[in-house]
Amino acid sequence: MKKHPKGVKASIIMEQYRPEFTKSEHKIYDYIQNNKEQVLYHSLTELSESSGVAEATVLRFFRKLGFKGFQDFKFLFAQEVSVDEDQDHEDTYVEKIKNNIVHAVEDSYDILDLEVLQQAIDAIDVSEDVVLFGVGSSGIAALDMETRFMRIGKHVKAYTDPHFQVMRSSSMDENTVVVAISLTGSTKDIIDAVKIAKDRKATIIVLTNYIKSPLTKFADHVLLSSAKESPLDSGSLVSKITQLFLIDLLCTGLTIKNYKEAEKMRMEITKNTASKLW
């Protein structure tokens, strides 16, 4: 794959290849040029639908330009596109972070599908084989989810290593429930493991920011959060909080559904961990 010179802009790379573009590739190019800020927050599927070009063609387009894929392109493109034009530049960074967090949680609440939430809670409740997948910052969220469920007596296991995820997926069956956490829904490691799990008849619950993404194609239940990131802000606190918001809803819903058992386990854990405190 071609290695681009250091400092070269994504827009310049597109211009260099423009004379070679096919009709479909011109559609992708034109959409990107006319929607620069929006493109940074698109998934591959959303870009495909917005430009009216098949996903495979979109992926080939970026590889033709010398990128590994859409995410690789976005990372370089984000460095030359301002994503802060709509923000109040008089705000301090403290106010901006606070406002972004509040808005992200409120927006996640507004798009929450209560029926899907309950379906996800019910699926987790009846399964004795619940597995959590996440990598990077989403892996941290998966580990937090593991701890939360442990505190109410629900046995789950989080896997944050892609190789372990694939191995674990290979032993699943129709009694397994997988909770896959990915902000973009385009993380290849997660998709690879989830595809295997789906082939093994596991139930798939996806926590993501994108309803249309490669990961959600394998989902039985999709819970959406609203904190789309620029590639330059990957792993931001705001995004983590929206993930934890969904995790808290699942944990609280399961607690309510099994209140007596959950409360008994909570008290037992509190009693046994009290000696750890001075």
C-alpha atoms as a PDB file:
ATOM      1  CA  MET A   1       0.000   0.000   0.000  1.00  0.00           C
ATOM      2  CA  LYS A   2       1.312   3.447  -0.920  1.00  0.00           C
ATOM      3  CA  LYS A   3       2.790   5.465   1.944  1.00  0.00           C
ATOM      4  CA  HIS A   4       1.876   9.147   1.800  1.00  0.00           C
ATOM      5  CA  PRO A   5       4.557  11.781   2.467  1.00  0.00           C
ATOM      6  CA  LYS A   6       4.474  13.285   5.945  1.00  0.00           C
ATOM      7  CA  GLY A   7       2.309  16.400   6.134  1.00  0.00           C
ATOM      8  CA  VAL A   8       0.381  15.778   2.917  1.00  0.00           C
ATOM      9  CA  LYS A   9      -3.318  16.666   3.072  1.00  0.00           C
ATOM     10  CA  ALA A  10      -6.103  14.207   2.302  1.00  0.00           C
ATOM     11  CA  SER A  11      -7.739  16.747  -0.018  1.00  0.00           C
ATOM     12  CA  ILE A  12      -4.519  17.032  -2.030  1.00  0.00           C
ATOM     13  CA  ILE A  13      -4.311  13.253  -2.348  1.00  0.00           C
ATOM     14  CA  MET A  14      -7.884  13.182  -3.697  1.00  0.00           C
ATOM     15  CA  GLU A  15      -7.050  15.913  -6.207  1.00  0.00           C
ATOM     16  CA  GLN A  16      -4.012  13.972  -7.407  1.00  0.00           C
ATOM     17  CA  TYR A  17      -6.145  10.924  -8.169  1.00  0.00           C
ATOM     18  CA  ARG A  18      -9.196  12.842  -9.420  1.00  0.00           C
ATOM     19  CA  PRO A  19      -8.477  12.430 -13.161  1.00  0.00           C
ATOM     20  CA  GLU A  20      -8.540   8.652 -12.647  1.00  0.00           C
ATOM     21  CA  PHE A  21     -11.887   8.554 -10.818  1.00  0.00           C
ATOM     22  CA  THR A  22     -14.742   6.476 -12.164  1.00  0.00           C
ATOM     23  CA  LYS A  23     -18.286   7.845 -12.234  1.00  0.00           C
ATOM     24  CA  SER A  24     -19.038   6.292  -8.827  1.00  0.00           C
ATOM     25  CA  GLU A  25     -15.787   7.596  -7.350  1.00  0.00           C
ATOM     26  CA  HIS A  26     -16.683  11.111  -8.508  1.00  0.00           C
ATOM     27  CA  LYS A  27     -19.918  10.801  -6.512  1.00  0.00           C
ATOM     28  CA  ILE A  28     -17.922   9.970  -3.385  1.00  0.00           C
ATOM     29  CA  TYR A  29     -15.483  12.799  -4.054  1.00  0.00           C
ATOM     30  CA  ASP A  30     -18.258  15.345  -4.625  1.00  0.00           C
ATOM     31  CA  TYR A  31     -20.073  14.316  -1.454  1.00  0.00           C
ATOM     32  CA  ILE A  32     -16.926  14.647   0.640  1.00  0.00           C
ATOM     33  CA  GLN A  33     -16.123  18.055  -0.821  1.00  0.00           C
ATOM     34  CA  ASN A  34     -19.630  19.364  -0.146  1.00  0.00           C
ATOM     35  CA  ASN A  35     -20.000  17.849   3.335  1.00  0.00           C
ATOM     36  CA  LYS A  36     -16.549  18.077   4.898  1.00  0.00           C
ATOM     37  CA  GLU A  37     -17.599  18.413   8.537  1.00  0.00           C
ATOM     38  CA  GLN A  38     -20.365  15.794   8.331  1.00  0.00           C
ATOM     39  CA  VAL A  39     -18.061  13.214   6.741  1.00  0.00           C
ATOM     40  CA  LEU A  40     -15.887  13.144   9.861  1.00  0.00           C
ATOM     41  CA  TYR A  41     -18.846  11.766  11.835  1.00  0.00           C
ATOM     42  CA  HIS A  42     -20.081   9.291   9.226  1.00  0.00           C
ATOM     43  CA  SER A  43     -19.673   5.551   9.385  1.00  0.00           C
ATOM     44  CA  LEU A  44     -18.682   3.727   6.206  1.00  0.00           C
ATOM     45  CA  THR A  45     -22.307   2.677   5.731  1.00  0.00           C
ATOM     46  CA  GLU A  46     -23.582   6.236   6.179  1.00  0.00           C
ATOM     47  CA  LEU A  47     -21.095   7.581   3.643  1.00  0.00           C
ATOM     48  CA  SER A  48     -22.144   4.845   1.230  1.00  0.00           C
ATOM     49  CA  GLU A  49     -25.833   5.716   1.541  1.00  0.00           C
ATOM     50  CA  SER A  50     -25.271   9.479   1.466  1.00  0.00           C
ATOM     51  CA  SER A  51     -23.135   9.352  -1.669  1.00  0.00           C
ATOM     52  CA  GLY A  52     -25.322   6.742  -3.364  1.00  0.00           C
ATOM     53  CA  VAL A  53     -22.438   4.320  -3.889  1.00  0.00           C
ATOM     54  CA  ALA A  54     -22.038   0.725  -2.689  1.00  0.00           C
ATOM     55  CA  GLU A  55     -19.950   0.129   0.440  1.00  0.00           C
ATOM     56  CA  ALA A  56     -17.451  -2.044  -1.420  1.00  0.00           C
ATOM     57  CA  THR A  57     -16.923   0.744  -3.964  1.00  0.00           C
ATOM     58  CA  VAL A  58     -16.419   3.311  -1.190  1.00  0.00           C
ATOM     59  CA  LEU A  59     -13.829   1.086   0.464  1.00  0.00           C
ATOM     60  CA  ARG A  60     -12.023   0.556  -2.862  1.00  0.00           C
ATOM     61  CA  PHE A  61     -12.049   4.329  -3.382  1.00  0.00           C
ATOM     62  CA  PHE A  62     -10.043   4.968  -0.220  1.00  0.00           C
ATOM     63  CA  ARG A  63      -7.683   2.094  -0.877  1.00  0.00           C
ATOM     64  CA  LYS A  64      -7.119   3.484  -4.359  1.00  0.00           C
ATOM     65  CA  LEU A  65      -6.016   6.711  -2.658  1.00  0.00           C
ATOM     66  CA  GLY A  66      -3.515   4.727  -0.593  1.00  0.00           C
ATOM     67  CA  PHE A  67      -5.464   4.507   2.684  1.00  0.00           C
ATOM     68  CA  LYS A  68      -6.156   1.334   4.655  1.00  0.00           C
ATOM     69  CA  GLY A  69      -9.830   2.280   4.763  1.00  0.00           C
ATOM     70  CA  PHE A  70     -12.327   5.015   5.611  1.00  0.00           C
ATOM     71  CA  GLN A  71     -11.114   5.500   9.199  1.00  0.00           C
ATOM     72  CA  ASP A  72      -7.539   5.965   8.000  1.00  0.00           C
ATOM     73  CA  PHE A  73      -8.727   8.620   5.550  1.00  0.00           C
ATOM     74  CA  LYS A  74     -10.825  10.388   8.204  1.00  0.00           C
ATOM     75  CA  PHE A  75      -7.876  10.670  10.569  1.00  0.00           C
ATOM     76  CA  LEU A  76      -5.845  12.596   7.977  1.00  0.00           C
ATOM     77  CA  PHE A  77      -8.829  14.552   6.664  1.00  0.00           C
ATOM     78  CA  ALA A  78      -9.782  15.699  10.184  1.00  0.00           C
ATOM     79  CA  GLN A  79      -6.461  17.474  10.528  1.00  0.00           C
ATOM     80  CA  GLU A  80      -7.424  19.961   7.828  1.00  0.00           C
ATOM     81  CA  VAL A  81     -11.103  20.391   8.607  1.00  0.00           C
ATOM     82  CA  SER A  82     -12.373  22.565  11.408  1.00  0.00           C
ATOM     83  CA  VAL A  83     -15.005  20.730  13.448  1.00  0.00           C
ATOM     84  CA  ASP A  84     -15.571  23.549  15.915  1.00  0.00           C
ATOM     85  CA  GLU A  85     -17.302  26.128  13.720  1.00  0.00           C
ATOM     86  CA  ASP A  86     -20.607  25.803  15.538  1.00  0.00           C
ATOM     87  CA  GLN A  87     -19.157  26.119  19.028  1.00  0.00           C
ATOM     88  CA  ASP A  88     -19.065  29.299  21.064  1.00  0.00           C
ATOM     89  CA  HIS A  89     -15.398  30.244  21.041  1.00  0.00           C
ATOM     90  CA  GLU A  90     -15.885  32.498  24.058  1.00  0.00           C
ATOM     91  CA  ASP A  91     -16.503  29.471  26.285  1.00  0.00           C
ATOM     92  CA  THR A  92     -13.617  28.214  28.358  1.00  0.00           C
ATOM     93  CA  TYR A  93     -12.504  24.633  27.818  1.00  0.00           C
ATOM     94  CA  VAL A  94     -14.030  23.806  31.223  1.00  0.00           C
ATOM     95  CA  GLU A  95     -17.451  25.047  30.100  1.00  0.00           C
ATOM     96  CA  LYS A  96     -17.138  23.305  26.746  1.00  0.00           C
ATOM     97  CA  ILE A  97     -16.391  19.942  28.332  1.00  0.00           C
ATOM     98  CA  LYS A  98     -19.257  20.329  30.801  1.00  0.00           C
ATOM     99  CA  ASN A  99     -21.701  21.362  28.074  1.00  0.00           C
ATOM    100  CA  ASN A 100     -20.587  18.575  25.742  1.00  0.00           C
ATOM    101  CA  ILE A 101     -21.105  15.963  28.454  1.00  0.00           C
ATOM    102  CA  VAL A 102     -24.548  17.277  29.391  1.00  0.00           C
ATOM    103  CA  HIS A 103     -25.669  17.483  25.763  1.00  0.00           C
ATOM    104  CA  ALA A 104     -24.318  14.028  24.954  1.00  0.00           C
ATOM    105  CA  VAL A 105     -26.253  12.396  27.807  1.00  0.00           C
ATOM    106  CA  GLU A 106     -29.417  14.356  26.985  1.00  0.00           C
ATOM    107  CA  ASP A 107     -29.146  13.430  23.296  1.00  0.00           C
ATOM    108  CA  SER A 108     -28.529   9.778  24.190  1.00  0.00           C
ATOM    109  CA  TYR A 109     -31.635   9.860  26.384  1.00  0.00           C
ATOM    110  CA  ASP A 110     -33.685  11.368  23.546  1.00  0.00           C
ATOM    111  CA  ILE A 111     -32.783   8.602  21.071  1.00  0.00           C
ATOM    112  CA  LEU A 112     -33.133   5.772  23.577  1.00  0.00           C
ATOM    113  CA  ASP A 113     -35.536   3.028  22.457  1.00  0.00           C
ATOM    114  CA  LEU A 114     -37.088   1.721  25.685  1.00  0.00           C
ATOM    115  CA  GLU A 115     -38.437  -1.385  23.980  1.00  0.00           C
ATOM    116  CA  VAL A 116     -34.996  -2.358  22.684  1.00  0.00           C
ATOM    117  CA  LEU A 117     -33.497  -1.596  26.108  1.00  0.00           C
ATOM    118  CA  GLN A 118     -35.947  -3.981  27.766  1.00  0.00           C
ATOM    119  CA  GLN A 119     -35.309  -6.654  25.154  1.00  0.00           C
ATOM    120  CA  ALA A 120     -31.581  -6.393  25.833  1.00  0.00           C
ATOM    121  CA  ILE A 121     -32.134  -6.596  29.599  1.00  0.00           C
ATOM    122  CA  ASP A 122     -34.354  -9.660  29.187  1.00  0.00           C
ATOM    123  CA  ALA A 123     -31.791 -11.389  26.955  1.00  0.00           C
ATOM    124  CA  ILE A 124     -29.014 -10.811  29.498  1.00  0.00           C
ATOM    125  CA  ASP A 125     -31.266 -11.888  32.360  1.00  0.00           C
ATOM    126  CA  VAL A 126     -32.073 -15.343  30.988  1.00  0.00           C
ATOM    127  CA  SER A 127     -28.558 -16.160  29.772  1.00  0.00           C
ATOM    128  CA  GLU A 128     -25.934 -17.876  31.901  1.00  0.00           C
ATOM    129  CA  ASP A 129     -23.278 -17.145  29.267  1.00  0.00           C
ATOM    130  CA  VAL A 130     -22.923 -13.368  28.863  1.00  0.00           C
ATOM    131  CA  VAL A 131     -19.772 -12.120  27.146  1.00  0.00           C
ATOM    132  CA  LEU A 132     -18.622  -8.512  26.734  1.00  0.00           C
ATOM    133  CA  PHE A 133     -16.432  -7.353  23.838  1.00  0.00           C
ATOM    134  CA  GLY A 134     -14.580  -4.035  23.540  1.00  0.00           C
ATOM    135  CA  VAL A 135     -11.152  -2.827  22.460  1.00  0.00           C
ATOM    136  CA  GLY A 136      -9.292   0.377  23.268  1.00  0.00           C
ATOM    137  CA  SER A 137     -11.422   2.847  25.216  1.00  0.00           C
ATOM    138  CA  SER A 138     -14.472   0.659  24.557  1.00  0.00           C
ATOM    139  CA  GLY A 139     -12.564  -2.152  26.249  1.00  0.00           C
ATOM    140  CA  ILE A 140     -12.388   0.010  29.380  1.00  0.00           C
ATOM    141  CA  ALA A 141     -16.165   0.397  29.204  1.00  0.00           C
ATOM    142  CA  ALA A 142     -16.530  -3.391  28.883  1.00  0.00           C
ATOM    143  CA  LEU A 143     -14.418  -3.919  32.001  1.00  0.00           C
ATOM    144  CA  ASP A 144     -16.524  -1.401  33.878  1.00  0.00           C
ATOM    145  CA  MET A 145     -19.656  -3.226  32.759  1.00  0.00           C
ATOM    146  CA  GLU A 146     -18.175  -6.497  34.018  1.00  0.00           C
ATOM    147  CA  THR A 147     -17.642  -4.925  37.449  1.00  0.00           C
ATOM    148  CA  ARG A 148     -21.142  -3.449  37.557  1.00  0.00           C
ATOM    149  CA  PHE A 149     -22.792  -6.790  36.798  1.00  0.00           C
ATOM    150  CA  MET A 150     -20.533  -8.600  39.226  1.00  0.00           C
ATOM    151  CA  ARG A 151     -21.844  -6.383  42.018  1.00  0.00           C
ATOM    152  CA  ILE A 152     -25.414  -7.568  41.446  1.00  0.00           C
ATOM    153  CA  GLY A 153     -24.474 -11.231  41.112  1.00  0.00           C
ATOM    154  CA  LYS A 154     -24.628 -11.568  37.325  1.00  0.00           C
ATOM    155  CA  HIS A 155     -21.761 -13.647  35.992  1.00  0.00           C
ATOM    156  CA  VAL A 156     -20.296 -12.052  32.869  1.00  0.00           C
ATOM    157  CA  LYS A 157     -16.839 -11.965  31.320  1.00  0.00           C
ATOM    158  CA  ALA A 158     -15.214  -9.091  29.440  1.00  0.00           C
ATOM    159  CA  TYR A 159     -12.657  -9.726  26.700  1.00  0.00           C
ATOM    160  CA  THR A 160     -10.574  -6.811  25.432  1.00  0.00           C
ATOM    161  CA  ASP A 161      -7.918  -8.754  23.522  1.00  0.00           C
ATOM    162  CA  PRO A 162      -8.931  -9.390  19.869  1.00  0.00           C
ATOM    163  CA  HIS A 163      -7.360 -12.863  19.803  1.00  0.00           C
ATOM    164  CA  PHE A 164      -9.193 -13.920  22.965  1.00  0.00           C
ATOM    165  CA  GLN A 165     -12.408 -12.501  21.523  1.00  0.00           C
ATOM    166  CA  VAL A 166     -12.112 -14.702  18.437  1.00  0.00           C
ATOM    167  CA  MET A 167     -11.281 -17.768  20.544  1.00  0.00           C
ATOM    168  CA  ARG A 168     -14.207 -17.124  22.875  1.00  0.00           C
ATOM    169  CA  SER A 169     -16.597 -16.577  19.972  1.00  0.00           C
ATOM    170  CA  SER A 170     -15.649 -19.930  18.528  1.00  0.00           C
ATOM    171  CA  SER A 171     -17.114 -21.762  21.534  1.00  0.00           C
ATOM    172  CA  MET A 172     -20.437 -19.920  21.686  1.00  0.00           C
ATOM    173  CA  ASP A 173     -23.908 -21.273  20.965  1.00  0.00           C
ATOM    174  CA  GLU A 174     -27.531 -20.127  20.950  1.00  0.00           C
ATOM    175  CA  ASN A 175     -27.453 -19.710  24.734  1.00  0.00           C
ATOM    176  CA  THR A 176     -24.724 -17.070  24.612  1.00  0.00           C
ATOM    177  CA  VAL A 177     -25.393 -13.327  24.742  1.00  0.00           C
ATOM    178  CA  VAL A 178     -22.672 -11.006  23.436  1.00  0.00           C
ATOM    179  CA  VAL A 179     -22.589  -7.308  24.327  1.00  0.00           C
ATOM    180  CA  ALA A 180     -20.327  -5.647  21.749  1.00  0.00           C
ATOM    181  CA  ILE A 181     -19.228  -2.098  22.560  1.00  0.00           C
ATOM    182  CA  SER A 182     -17.889   0.097  19.751  1.00  0.00           C
ATOM    183  CA  LEU A 183     -18.464   3.816  19.280  1.00  0.00           C
ATOM    184  CA  THR A 184     -17.914   3.724  15.530  1.00  0.00           C
ATOM    185  CA  GLY A 185     -19.303   0.260  14.888  1.00  0.00           C
ATOM    186  CA  SER A 186     -16.438  -0.103  12.418  1.00  0.00           C
ATOM    187  CA  THR A 187     -13.683  -1.616  14.560  1.00  0.00           C
ATOM    188  CA  LYS A 188     -12.526  -4.615  12.543  1.00  0.00           C
ATOM    189  CA  ASP A 189     -11.434  -6.686  15.561  1.00  0.00           C
ATOM    190  CA  ILE A 190     -14.894  -6.443  17.147  1.00  0.00           C
ATOM    191  CA  ILE A 191     -16.656  -7.138  13.853  1.00  0.00           C
ATOM    192  CA  ASP A 192     -14.548 -10.240  13.215  1.00  0.00           C
ATOM    193  CA  ALA A 193     -15.367 -11.694  16.653  1.00  0.00           C
ATOM    194  CA  VAL A 194     -19.062 -10.782  16.485  1.00  0.00           C
ATOM    195  CA  LYS A 195     -19.431 -12.343  13.026  1.00  0.00           C
ATOM    196  CA  ILE A 196     -18.144 -15.637  14.412  1.00  0.00           C
ATOM    197  CA  ALA A 197     -20.480 -15.339  17.405  1.00  0.00           C
ATOM    198  CA  LYS A 198     -23.429 -14.675  15.087  1.00  0.00           C
ATOM    199  CA  ASP A 199     -22.552 -17.709  12.976  1.00  0.00           C
ATOM    200  CA  ARG A 200     -22.596 -19.712  16.213  1.00  0.00           C
ATOM    201  CA  LYS A 201     -26.197 -18.501  16.838  1.00  0.00           C
ATOM    202  CA  ALA A 202     -25.328 -16.202  19.761  1.00  0.00           C
ATOM    203  CA  THR A 203     -27.590 -13.231  20.553  1.00  0.00           C
ATOM    204  CA  ILE A 204     -25.808  -9.964  19.770  1.00  0.00           C
ATOM    205  CA  ILE A 205     -26.396  -6.693  21.636  1.00  0.00           C
ATOM    206  CA  VAL A 206     -24.487  -3.709  20.222  1.00  0.00           C
ATOM    207  CA  LEU A 207     -23.729  -0.441  22.040  1.00  0.00           C
ATOM    208  CA  THR A 208     -22.682   2.139  19.449  1.00  0.00           C
ATOM    209  CA  ASN A 209     -23.109   5.671  18.127  1.00  0.00           C
ATOM    210  CA  TYR A 210     -24.053   4.544  14.629  1.00  0.00           C
ATOM    211  CA  ILE A 211     -27.254   2.722  13.739  1.00  0.00           C
ATOM    212  CA  LYS A 212     -25.837   2.072  10.257  1.00  0.00           C
ATOM    213  CA  SER A 213     -22.411   0.505  10.553  1.00  0.00           C
ATOM    214  CA  PRO A 214     -20.700  -2.809   9.712  1.00  0.00           C
ATOM    215  CA  LEU A 215     -21.164  -4.006  13.313  1.00  0.00           C
ATOM    216  CA  THR A 216     -24.904  -3.370  13.588  1.00  0.00           C
ATOM    217  CA  LYS A 217     -25.528  -5.661  10.606  1.00  0.00           C
ATOM    218  CA  PHE A 218     -24.929  -8.578  12.970  1.00  0.00           C
ATOM    219  CA  ALA A 219     -26.957  -7.157  15.872  1.00  0.00           C
ATOM    220  CA  ASP A 220     -30.195  -8.498  17.317  1.00  0.00           C
ATOM    221  CA  HIS A 221     -30.530  -5.422  19.542  1.00  0.00           C
ATOM    222  CA  VAL A 222     -28.884  -2.014  19.041  1.00  0.00           C
ATOM    223  CA  LEU A 223     -28.621   0.567  21.827  1.00  0.00           C
ATOM    224  CA  LEU A 224     -27.539   3.974  20.540  1.00  0.00           C
ATOM    225  CA  SER A 225     -25.605   6.695  22.270  1.00  0.00           C
ATOM    226  CA  SER A 226     -25.039  10.169  20.882  1.00  0.00           C
ATOM    227  CA  ALA A 227     -21.502  11.477  21.072  1.00  0.00           C
ATOM    228  CA  LYS A 228     -20.023  11.119  17.620  1.00  0.00           C
ATOM    229  CA  GLU A 229     -16.288  11.732  17.620  1.00  0.00           C
ATOM    230  CA  SER A 230     -13.917  13.350  15.229  1.00  0.00           C
ATOM    231  CA  PRO A 231     -11.046  10.918  14.555  1.00  0.00           C
ATOM    232  CA  LEU A 232      -8.792  13.371  16.417  1.00  0.00           C
ATOM    233  CA  ASP A 233     -10.941  13.037  19.555  1.00  0.00           C
ATOM    234  CA  SER A 234     -11.013   9.244  19.717  1.00  0.00           C
ATOM    235  CA  GLY A 235     -11.494   7.940  23.250  1.00  0.00           C
ATOM    236  CA  SER A 236     -12.763  11.260  24.609  1.00  0.00           C
ATOM    237  CA  LEU A 237     -14.385  11.510  28.029  1.00  0.00           C
ATOM    238  CA  VAL A 238     -17.692  12.586  26.481  1.00  0.00           C
ATOM    239  CA  SER A 239     -17.914   9.396  24.430  1.00  0.00           C
ATOM    240  CA  LYS A 240     -16.987   7.222  27.412  1.00  0.00           C
ATOM    241  CA  ILE A 241     -19.749   8.803  29.466  1.00  0.00           C
ATOM    242  CA  THR A 242     -22.403   8.008  26.856  1.00  0.00           C
ATOM    243  CA  GLN A 243     -21.217   4.388  26.866  1.00  0.00           C
ATOM    244  CA  LEU A 244     -21.401   4.278  30.664  1.00  0.00           C
ATOM    245  CA  PHE A 245     -24.891   5.797  30.481  1.00  0.00           C
ATOM    246  CA  LEU A 246     -26.113   2.830  28.416  1.00  0.00           C
ATOM    247  CA  ILE A 247     -24.256   0.376  30.652  1.00  0.00           C
ATOM    248  CA  ASP A 248     -25.851   1.921  33.724  1.00  0.00           C
ATOM    249  CA  LEU A 249     -29.303   1.554  32.159  1.00  0.00           C
ATOM    250  CA  LEU A 250     -28.700  -2.134  31.450  1.00  0.00           C
ATOM    251  CA  CYS A 251     -27.346  -2.773  34.955  1.00  0.00           C
ATOM    252  CA  THR A 252     -30.110  -0.841  36.695  1.00  0.00           C
ATOM    253  CA  GLY A 253     -32.779  -2.512  34.577  1.00  0.00           C
ATOM    254  CA  LEU A 254     -31.418  -5.938  35.468  1.00  0.00           C
ATOM    255  CA  THR A 255     -31.252  -4.950  39.144  1.00  0.00           C
ATOM    256  CA  ILE A 256     -34.910  -3.908  39.135  1.00  0.00           C
ATOM    257  CA  LYS A 257     -35.871  -7.134  37.379  1.00  0.00           C
ATOM    258  CA  ASN A 258     -34.089  -9.196  40.064  1.00  0.00           C
ATOM    259  CA  TYR A 259     -34.293  -6.781  42.965  1.00  0.00           C
ATOM    260  CA  LYS A 260     -34.208  -9.164  45.921  1.00  0.00           C
ATOM    261  CA  GLU A 261     -31.310 -11.247  44.610  1.00  0.00           C
ATOM    262  CA  ALA A 262     -29.383  -8.172  43.468  1.00  0.00           C
ATOM    263  CA  GLU A 263     -29.842  -6.390  46.791  1.00  0.00           C
ATOM    264  CA  LYS A 264     -28.766  -9.476  48.717  1.00  0.00           C
ATOM    265  CA  MET A 265     -25.605  -9.755  46.624  1.00  0.00           C
ATOM    266  CA  ARG A 266     -24.904  -6.041  46.954  1.00  0.00           C
ATOM    267  CA  MET A 267     -25.091  -6.279  50.761  1.00  0.00           C
ATOM    268  CA  GLU A 268     -22.897  -9.385  50.788  1.00  0.00           C
ATOM    269  CA  ILE A 269     -20.240  -7.676  48.669  1.00  0.00           C
ATOM    270  CA  THR A 270     -20.385  -4.551  50.828  1.00  0.00           C
ATOM    271  CA  LYS A 271     -19.915  -6.626  53.967  1.00  0.00           C
ATOM    272  CA  ASN A 272     -16.991  -8.588  52.520  1.00  0.00           C
ATOM    273  CA  THR A 273     -15.202  -5.542  51.125  1.00  0.00           C
ATOM    274  CA  ALA A 274     -15.645  -3.422  54.264  1.00  0.00           C
ATOM    275  CA  SER A 275     -12.460  -4.883  55.746  1.00  0.00           C
ATOM    276  CA  LYS A 276     -10.528  -3.415  52.806  1.00  0.00           C
ATOM    277  CA  LEU A 277     -11.202   0.113  54.091  1.00  0.00           C
ATOM    278  CA  TRP A 278      -9.487   1.900  56.962  1.00  0.00           C
END
